[in-house]
Amino acid sequence: MFHDKATLHVEAGRGGDGGLSFRREKYVPRGGPDGGDGGRGGHVVVLADLALRDLSGLRRVRVLRASKGGNGLGSRKHGADGQTVEVRVPVGTQILDTEGGLVADLKSSAARFVVARGGQGGRGNARFATPTRQTPRFAETGLPGDELGVVLRLKLVVDAALAGLPNAGKSSLLRRISNAKPKVADYPFTTLEPVLGIVDGPEERQLTIADVPGLIEGAADGAGLGHEFLAHLERARLLIHVLDASEGDLERRFLTVDRELSAYGAGLDERPQLVVLNKVDLLSVPPRFELEDERIARVVATSCATGAGIEELKRTLFELCAPEGTVPVVDESLPEFLEYRPKPRRGPRFRILRTDRGYRVVGTPPPAAELEHALRRAGVKPGVEVELEGETLEWQ
């Protein structure tokens, strides 16, 4: 089954705790502090991969969690950085926040997106030594990594896409001109999900063609099946508008689909169109399509049963679809390499230090619930002392 959407909860790794250690060597009875810094927590990164076609690999994934940074050790040994988690998605995947806002658009191969950054590691007690404080008995705990929910939404990046009413012969046409093998039957809505095909052309050129479920009147408002996949037409450079020539009244049926494209928006009503008059083998005389529209680049008559017009259609496709790189496929307003920083949590700033007896909260403490959550994430356990605003409390 084709999957074009996935909802994930991502958690970057927490930074490692700073080391709380003192130098202990023979003949050095009072060695100074030598605790190293904690390592940075692992990131969560999304990569665009040309080899993937949909998001089915994430259908059972609910949480992506990177590893914690290593803790600092004695002898000023720093902790290792947490391992970054990389998730591969198809080219054309958009990443949205939980409110539906666009965060990133992985529109090209190898595009890389840092969705959650790991927390900074805590400083070891060696970093707090001063001439007046030569034996600091505290070190920082690592900061938590970013934690947020994201929605992955795929919009196929193709050269051309087939559009038309149900049972117009789109799937049969795709089988004829490409290597795709979609289901073909003589009833509407045979195609239930997008199908991709590769068309081979001259000079080793190839075109990617997408077939989506047929559109009916009201599709843009949710009628039929095609409305679920209209987004996959947005990035096609050319729309192949397939009409069943044997049914007559071609102009009216063309306008029916065109109204749905216009109602959906996203520039589909402005996209160049190649009109294909299919099933001409069922007619005794050639069909006539007399609608004049500046968007119609060419009109081709075909028959999937006899093969008539198929080679002309393939030549026309390669003429109308410029070689890759000469025509921008999608908007270039977003850079390929991105880092997303979620909105900072509201509230006063504070840090948690790890002491030789427990923990110390410095700065203005947050509300009780948030402070409790932060201490638990820092590793506090029952019976441990917590210094808070000049008071020493025992954690229960």
Foldseek 3Di string as FASTA:
>chain_A
DAAFKDKAKEFWAWWAWWFQDFDDDPPCHGGFTFTAWWAWTAFEKEFAAQVDDHDPVCPPHHYHYWYYTHYTYGNRRYTHYTHYHYHYGHAQKFKAFPVGHTDDGRHDHGQMEGEKTTWHIKGYVVVVDDPVRGHAQWIFGTGTIDIGMMMIGGAAAFQEEEAFAFQLCPQLLLVLFFVWDQDDDRDGFSDQAKDWTWGADPPRDIGIYIYGHYDAQCLCVPPDRRVVRLSNRLLHQEYEYGGAQVVDPRVVRVVRRLVSLVSNDSCSNVHAYAYEHEPCVNDPDGGDDDDDDPSDPYYFYAYSVVGPRSVVVSVVSPVSRDGPPPDDRDDPPDDSYYYDDPDDDDDWDWTWMAGPQGIEIDDDDGPPVVNVVVRVVSPGDAQGWYHDPNDIDGHD
